[in-house]
Amino acid sequence: VARVRAATSFLDQSLLTVTVTCSHNGGGF
């Protein structure tokens, strides 16, 4: 999330939402 926010630092961070999801063993995210 910190890397994403650093890459988009010139955008208004209060309007930015970052979601990280995973899929284990081919299941759903």
PDB file of all heavy atoms in Angstrom:
ATOM      1  N   VAL A   1       0.842  -1.207   0.000  1.00  0.00           N
ATOM      2  CA  VAL A   1       0.000   0.000   0.000  1.00  0.00           C
ATOM      3  C   VAL A   1       0.874   1.252   0.000  1.00  0.00           C
ATOM      4  O   VAL A   1       0.588   2.221  -0.709  1.00  0.00           O
ATOM      5  CB  VAL A   1      -0.980  -0.015   1.200  1.00  0.00           C
ATOM      6  CG1 VAL A   1      -1.686   1.320   1.344  1.00  0.00           C
ATOM      7  CG2 VAL A   1      -1.980  -1.147   1.050  1.00  0.00           C
ATOM      8  N   ALA A   2       1.961   1.238   0.760  1.00  0.00           N
ATOM      9  CA  ALA A   2       2.873   2.384   0.789  1.00  0.00           C
ATOM     10  C   ALA A   2       3.503   2.629  -0.579  1.00  0.00           C
ATOM     11  O   ALA A   2       3.655   3.772  -1.001  1.00  0.00           O
ATOM     12  CB  ALA A   2       3.955   2.162   1.841  1.00  0.00           C
ATOM     13  N   ARG A   3       3.835   1.544  -1.295  1.00  0.00           N
ATOM     14  CA  ARG A   3       4.416   1.701  -2.637  1.00  0.00           C
ATOM     15  C   ARG A   3       3.402   2.325  -3.585  1.00  0.00           C
ATOM     16  O   ARG A   3       3.735   3.179  -4.398  1.00  0.00           O
ATOM     17  CB  ARG A   3       4.876   0.345  -3.153  1.00  0.00           C
ATOM     18  CG  ARG A   3       5.303   0.309  -4.603  1.00  0.00           C
ATOM     19  CD  ARG A   3       6.661   0.959  -4.876  1.00  0.00           C
ATOM     20  NE  ARG A   3       7.762   0.308  -4.231  1.00  0.00           N
ATOM     21  CZ  ARG A   3       8.513  -0.647  -4.756  1.00  0.00           C
ATOM     22  NH1 ARG A   3       8.267  -1.072  -5.979  1.00  0.00           N
ATOM     23  NH2 ARG A   3       9.504  -1.165  -4.079  1.00  0.00           N
ATOM     24  N   VAL A   4       2.154   1.884  -3.507  1.00  0.00           N
ATOM     25  CA  VAL A   4       1.107   2.446  -4.367  1.00  0.00           C
ATOM     26  C   VAL A   4       0.927   3.932  -4.060  1.00  0.00           C
ATOM     27  O   VAL A   4       0.861   4.767  -4.966  1.00  0.00           O
ATOM     28  CB  VAL A   4      -0.224   1.686  -4.199  1.00  0.00           C
ATOM     29  CG1 VAL A   4      -1.351   2.394  -4.930  1.00  0.00           C
ATOM     30  CG2 VAL A   4      -0.095   0.252  -4.676  1.00  0.00           C
ATOM     31  N   ARG A   5       0.863   4.274  -2.792  1.00  0.00           N
ATOM     32  CA  ARG A   5       0.676   5.675  -2.409  1.00  0.00           C
ATOM     33  C   ARG A   5       1.871   6.529  -2.818  1.00  0.00           C
ATOM     34  O   ARG A   5       1.709   7.692  -3.190  1.00  0.00           O
ATOM     35  CB  ARG A   5       0.384   5.790  -0.920  1.00  0.00           C
ATOM     36  CG  ARG A   5      -0.987   5.209  -0.578  1.00  0.00           C
ATOM     37  CD  ARG A   5      -1.470   5.655   0.770  1.00  0.00           C
ATOM     38  NE  ARG A   5      -2.785   5.117   1.057  1.00  0.00           N
ATOM     39  CZ  ARG A   5      -3.925   5.677   0.666  1.00  0.00           C
ATOM     40  NH1 ARG A   5      -3.909   6.785  -0.036  1.00  0.00           N
ATOM     41  NH2 ARG A   5      -5.088   5.124   0.966  1.00  0.00           N
ATOM     42  N   ALA A   6       3.072   5.965  -2.776  1.00  0.00           N
ATOM     43  CA  ALA A   6       4.256   6.707  -3.213  1.00  0.00           C
ATOM     44  C   ALA A   6       4.216   6.941  -4.727  1.00  0.00           C
ATOM     45  O   ALA A   6       4.597   8.011  -5.205  1.00  0.00           O
ATOM     46  CB  ALA A   6       5.523   5.955  -2.832  1.00  0.00           C
ATOM     47  N   ALA A   7       3.737   5.948  -5.473  1.00  0.00           N
ATOM     48  CA  ALA A   7       3.663   6.093  -6.936  1.00  0.00           C
ATOM     49  C   ALA A   7       2.580   7.080  -7.357  1.00  0.00           C
ATOM     50  O   ALA A   7       2.624   7.613  -8.460  1.00  0.00           O
ATOM     51  CB  ALA A   7       3.405   4.735  -7.582  1.00  0.00           C
ATOM     52  N   THR A   8       1.605   7.311  -6.484  1.00  0.00           N
ATOM     53  CA  THR A   8       0.504   8.233  -6.793  1.00  0.00           C
ATOM     54  C   THR A   8       0.528   9.436  -5.843  1.00  0.00           C
ATOM     55  O   THR A   8      -0.525  10.008  -5.548  1.00  0.00           O
ATOM     56  CB  THR A   8      -0.853   7.507  -6.679  1.00  0.00           C
ATOM     57  OG1 THR A   8      -0.988   6.989  -5.349  1.00  0.00           O
ATOM     58  CG2 THR A   8      -0.965   6.382  -7.678  1.00  0.00           C
ATOM     59  N   SER A   9       1.700   9.818  -5.396  1.00  0.00           N
ATOM     60  CA  SER A   9       1.818  10.855  -4.365  1.00  0.00           C
ATOM     61  C   SER A   9       1.275  12.208  -4.805  1.00  0.00           C
ATOM     62  O   SER A   9       0.891  13.022  -3.972  1.00  0.00           O
ATOM     63  CB  SER A   9       3.271  10.994  -3.934  1.00  0.00           C
ATOM     64  OG  SER A   9       4.069  11.389  -5.034  1.00  0.00           O
ATOM     65  N   PHE A  10       1.220  12.472  -6.102  1.00  0.00           N
ATOM     66  CA  PHE A  10       0.731  13.764  -6.581  1.00  0.00           C
ATOM     67  C   PHE A  10      -0.792  13.820  -6.650  1.00  0.00           C
ATOM     68  O   PHE A  10      -1.355  14.877  -6.905  1.00  0.00           O
ATOM     69  CB  PHE A  10       1.329  14.101  -7.958  1.00  0.00           C
ATOM     70  CG  PHE A  10       1.183  12.997  -8.957  1.00  0.00           C
ATOM     71  CD1 PHE A  10       0.062  12.919  -9.752  1.00  0.00           C
ATOM     72  CD2 PHE A  10       2.167  12.032  -9.084  1.00  0.00           C
ATOM     73  CE1 PHE A  10      -0.082  11.905 -10.658  1.00  0.00           C
ATOM     74  CE2 PHE A  10       2.035  11.011  -9.994  1.00  0.00           C
ATOM     75  CZ  PHE A  10       0.908  10.945 -10.790  1.00  0.00           C
ATOM     76  N   LEU A  11      -1.462  12.705  -6.418  1.00  0.00           N
ATOM     77  CA  LEU A  11      -2.926  12.692  -6.346  1.00  0.00           C
ATOM     78  C   LEU A  11      -3.349  12.986  -4.912  1.00  0.00           C
ATOM     79  O   LEU A  11      -2.578  12.795  -3.968  1.00  0.00           O
ATOM     80  CB  LEU A  11      -3.473  11.331  -6.774  1.00  0.00           C
ATOM     81  CG  LEU A  11      -3.231  10.906  -8.212  1.00  0.00           C
ATOM     82  CD1 LEU A  11      -3.765   9.495  -8.449  1.00  0.00           C
ATOM     83  CD2 LEU A  11      -3.870  11.872  -9.187  1.00  0.00           C
ATOM     84  N   ASP A  12      -4.591  13.423  -4.740  1.00  0.00           N
ATOM     85  CA  ASP A  12      -5.131  13.669  -3.405  1.00  0.00           C
ATOM     86  C   ASP A  12      -5.310  12.318  -2.710  1.00  0.00           C
ATOM     87  O   ASP A  12      -6.204  11.541  -3.063  1.00  0.00           O
ATOM     88  CB  ASP A  12      -6.464  14.415  -3.519  1.00  0.00           C
ATOM     89  CG  ASP A  12      -7.037  14.799  -2.179  1.00  0.00           C
ATOM     90  OD1 ASP A  12      -6.481  14.398  -1.134  1.00  0.00           O
ATOM     91  OD2 ASP A  12      -8.062  15.504  -2.170  1.00  0.00           O
ATOM     92  N   GLN A  13      -4.463  12.024  -1.730  1.00  0.00           N
ATOM     93  CA  GLN A  13      -4.453  10.711  -1.088  1.00  0.00           C
ATOM     94  C   GLN A  13      -5.735  10.430  -0.303  1.00  0.00           C
ATOM     95  O   GLN A  13      -6.069   9.264  -0.080  1.00  0.00           O
ATOM     96  CB  GLN A  13      -3.230  10.586  -0.174  1.00  0.00           C
ATOM     97  CG  GLN A  13      -1.914  10.621  -0.921  1.00  0.00           C
ATOM     98  CD  GLN A  13      -1.747   9.426  -1.848  1.00  0.00           C
ATOM     99  OE1 GLN A  13      -1.877   8.283  -1.454  1.00  0.00           O
ATOM    100  NE2 GLN A  13      -1.472   9.709  -3.116  1.00  0.00           N
ATOM    101  N   SER A  14      -6.461  11.462   0.096  1.00  0.00           N
ATOM    102  CA  SER A  14      -7.717  11.229   0.819  1.00  0.00           C
ATOM    103  C   SER A  14      -8.808  10.675  -0.111  1.00  0.00           C
ATOM    104  O   SER A  14      -9.799  10.121   0.363  1.00  0.00           O
ATOM    105  CB  SER A  14      -8.201  12.517   1.481  1.00  0.00           C
ATOM    106  OG  SER A  14      -8.556  13.477   0.502  1.00  0.00           O
ATOM    107  N   LEU A  15      -8.620  10.817  -1.427  1.00  0.00           N
ATOM    108  CA  LEU A  15      -9.590  10.301  -2.394  1.00  0.00           C
ATOM    109  C   LEU A  15      -9.148   8.980  -3.009  1.00  0.00           C
ATOM    110  O   LEU A  15      -9.812   8.460  -3.899  1.00  0.00           O
ATOM    111  CB  LEU A  15      -9.809  11.340  -3.508  1.00  0.00           C
ATOM    112  CG  LEU A  15     -10.268  12.727  -3.065  1.00  0.00           C
ATOM    113  CD1 LEU A  15     -10.324  13.676  -4.254  1.00  0.00           C
ATOM    114  CD2 LEU A  15     -11.617  12.644  -2.382  1.00  0.00           C
ATOM    115  N   LEU A  16      -8.028   8.428  -2.530  1.00  0.00           N
ATOM    116  CA  LEU A  16      -7.435   7.217  -3.089  1.00  0.00           C
ATOM    117  C   LEU A  16      -7.671   6.038  -2.150  1.00  0.00           C
ATOM    118  O   LEU A  16      -7.458   6.141  -0.944  1.00  0.00           O
ATOM    119  CB  LEU A  16      -5.926   7.428  -3.283  1.00  0.00           C
ATOM    120  CG  LEU A  16      -5.159   6.315  -3.952  1.00  0.00           C
ATOM    121  CD1 LEU A  16      -5.378   6.365  -5.462  1.00  0.00           C
ATOM    122  CD2 LEU A  16      -3.677   6.434  -3.649  1.00  0.00           C
ATOM    123  N   THR A  17      -8.131   4.917  -2.708  1.00  0.00           N
ATOM    124  CA  THR A  17      -8.337   3.690  -1.939  1.00  0.00           C
ATOM    125  C   THR A  17      -7.507   2.586  -2.564  1.00  0.00           C
ATOM    126  O   THR A  17      -7.564   2.367  -3.773  1.00  0.00           O
ATOM    127  CB  THR A  17      -9.826   3.279  -1.955  1.00  0.00           C
ATOM    128  OG1 THR A  17     -10.615   4.369  -1.502  1.00  0.00           O
ATOM    129  CG2 THR A  17     -10.066   2.069  -1.092  1.00  0.00           C
ATOM    130  N   VAL A  18      -6.741   1.878  -1.737  1.00  0.00           N
ATOM    131  CA  VAL A  18      -5.899   0.779  -2.206  1.00  0.00           C
ATOM    132  C   VAL A  18      -6.368  -0.493  -1.519  1.00  0.00           C
ATOM    133  O   VAL A  18      -6.519  -0.540  -0.302  1.00  0.00           O
ATOM    134  CB  VAL A  18      -4.409   1.030  -1.882  1.00  0.00           C
ATOM    135  CG1 VAL A  18      -3.556  -0.109  -2.396  1.00  0.00           C
ATOM    136  CG2 VAL A  18      -3.952   2.354  -2.455  1.00  0.00           C
ATOM    137  N   THR A  19      -6.607  -1.547  -2.313  1.00  0.00           N
ATOM    138  CA  THR A  19      -7.045  -2.833  -1.789  1.00  0.00           C
ATOM    139  C   THR A  19      -6.100  -3.915  -2.292  1.00  0.00           C
ATOM    140  O   THR A  19      -5.842  -3.999  -3.490  1.00  0.00           O
ATOM    141  CB  THR A  19      -8.481  -3.149  -2.254  1.00  0.00           C
ATOM    142  OG1 THR A  19      -9.323  -2.045  -1.948  1.00  0.00           O
ATOM    143  CG2 THR A  19      -9.009  -4.395  -1.584  1.00  0.00           C
ATOM    144  N   VAL A  20      -5.611  -4.741  -1.362  1.00  0.00           N
ATOM    145  CA  VAL A  20      -4.730  -5.856  -1.720  1.00  0.00           C
ATOM    146  C   VAL A  20      -5.469  -7.146  -1.367  1.00  0.00           C
ATOM    147  O   VAL A  20      -5.851  -7.353  -0.216  1.00  0.00           O
ATOM    148  CB  VAL A  20      -3.384  -5.776  -0.963  1.00  0.00           C
ATOM    149  CG1 VAL A  20      -2.477  -6.930  -1.370  1.00  0.00           C
ATOM    150  CG2 VAL A  20      -2.703  -4.446  -1.211  1.00  0.00           C
ATOM    151  N   THR A  21      -5.694  -7.988  -2.361  1.00  0.00           N
ATOM    152  CA  THR A  21      -6.358  -9.269  -2.151  1.00  0.00           C
ATOM    153  C   THR A  21      -5.489 -10.392  -2.701  1.00  0.00           C
ATOM    154  O   THR A  21      -4.658 -10.173  -3.578  1.00  0.00           O
ATOM    155  CB  THR A  21      -7.748  -9.313  -2.818  1.00  0.00           C
ATOM    156  OG1 THR A  21      -7.611  -8.986  -4.199  1.00  0.00           O
ATOM    157  CG2 THR A  21      -8.704  -8.325  -2.163  1.00  0.00           C
ATOM    158  N   CYS A  22      -5.702 -11.597  -2.170  1.00  0.00           N
ATOM    159  CA  CYS A  22      -4.892 -12.751  -2.560  1.00  0.00           C
ATOM    160  C   CYS A  22      -5.789 -13.920  -2.959  1.00  0.00           C
ATOM    161  O   CYS A  22      -6.925 -14.037  -2.499  1.00  0.00           O
ATOM    162  CB  CYS A  22      -4.010 -13.197  -1.391  1.00  0.00           C
ATOM    163  SG  CYS A  22      -2.866 -11.939  -0.832  1.00  0.00           S
ATOM    164  N   SER A  23      -5.238 -14.774  -3.798  1.00  0.00           N
ATOM    165  CA  SER A  23      -5.904 -16.005  -4.193  1.00  0.00           C
ATOM    166  C   SER A  23      -4.944 -17.160  -3.909  1.00  0.00           C
ATOM    167  O   SER A  23      -3.898 -17.267  -4.539  1.00  0.00           O
ATOM    168  CB  SER A  23      -6.256 -15.970  -5.684  1.00  0.00           C
ATOM    169  OG  SER A  23      -6.721 -17.240  -6.110  1.00  0.00           O
ATOM    170  N   HIS A  24      -5.318 -17.977  -2.932  1.00  0.00           N
ATOM    171  CA  HIS A  24      -4.475 -19.100  -2.544  1.00  0.00           C
ATOM    172  C   HIS A  24      -4.938 -20.367  -3.263  1.00  0.00           C
ATOM    173  O   HIS A  24      -6.138 -20.667  -3.302  1.00  0.00           O
ATOM    174  CB  HIS A  24      -4.534 -19.324  -1.033  1.00  0.00           C
ATOM    175  CG  HIS A  24      -4.101 -18.130  -0.236  1.00  0.00           C
ATOM    176  ND1 HIS A  24      -2.799 -17.700  -0.169  1.00  0.00           N
ATOM    177  CD2 HIS A  24      -4.812 -17.259   0.520  1.00  0.00           C
ATOM    178  CE1 HIS A  24      -2.722 -16.633   0.591  1.00  0.00           C
ATOM    179  NE2 HIS A  24      -3.935 -16.345   1.019  1.00  0.00           N
ATOM    180  N   ASN A  25      -4.021 -21.094  -3.828  1.00  0.00           N
ATOM    181  CA  ASN A  25      -4.296 -22.378  -4.483  1.00  0.00           C
ATOM    182  C   ASN A  25      -5.393 -22.288  -5.535  1.00  0.00           C
ATOM    183  O   ASN A  25      -6.232 -23.180  -5.648  1.00  0.00           O
ATOM    184  CB  ASN A  25      -4.655 -23.450  -3.442  1.00  0.00           C
ATOM    185  CG  ASN A  25      -3.545 -23.684  -2.455  1.00  0.00           C
ATOM    186  OD1 ASN A  25      -2.375 -23.631  -2.815  1.00  0.00           O
ATOM    187  ND2 ASN A  25      -3.898 -23.932  -1.204  1.00  0.00           N
ATOM    188  N   GLY A  26      -5.440 -21.222  -6.278  1.00  0.00           N
ATOM    189  CA  GLY A  26      -6.419 -21.079  -7.355  1.00  0.00           C
ATOM    190  C   GLY A  26      -7.825 -20.762  -6.894  1.00  0.00           C
ATOM    191  O   GLY A  26      -8.761 -20.797  -7.683  1.00  0.00           O
ATOM    192  N   GLY A  27      -8.017 -20.428  -5.621  1.00  0.00           N
ATOM    193  CA  GLY A  27      -9.339 -20.072  -5.115  1.00  0.00           C
ATOM    194  C   GLY A  27      -9.700 -18.643  -5.469  1.00  0.00           C
ATOM    195  O   GLY A  27      -9.003 -17.961  -6.219  1.00  0.00           O
ATOM    196  N   GLY A  28     -10.784 -18.169  -4.911  1.00  0.00           N
ATOM    197  CA  GLY A  28     -11.217 -16.799  -5.162  1.00  0.00           C
ATOM    198  C   GLY A  28     -10.365 -15.796  -4.407  1.00  0.00           C
ATOM    199  O   GLY A  28      -9.628 -16.144  -3.480  1.00  0.00           O
ATOM    200  N   PHE A  29     -10.469 -14.553  -4.802  1.00  0.00           N
ATOM    201  CA  PHE A  29      -9.696 -13.500  -4.151  1.00  0.00           C
ATOM    202  C   PHE A  29     -10.379 -13.070  -2.869  1.00  0.00           C
ATOM    203  O   PHE A  29     -11.588 -12.872  -2.819  1.00  0.00           O
ATOM    204  CB  PHE A  29      -9.535 -12.295  -5.087  1.00  0.00           C
ATOM    205  CG  PHE A  29      -8.499 -12.509  -6.145  1.00  0.00           C
ATOM    206  CD1 PHE A  29      -8.841 -13.033  -7.379  1.00  0.00           C
ATOM    207  CD2 PHE A  29      -7.174 -12.199  -5.900  1.00  0.00           C
ATOM    208  CE1 PHE A  29      -7.893 -13.235  -8.354  1.00  0.00           C
ATOM    209  CE2 PHE A  29      -6.208 -12.395  -6.866  1.00  0.00           C
ATOM    210  CZ  PHE A  29      -6.564 -12.915  -8.098  1.00  0.00           C
TER     211      PHE A  29
END
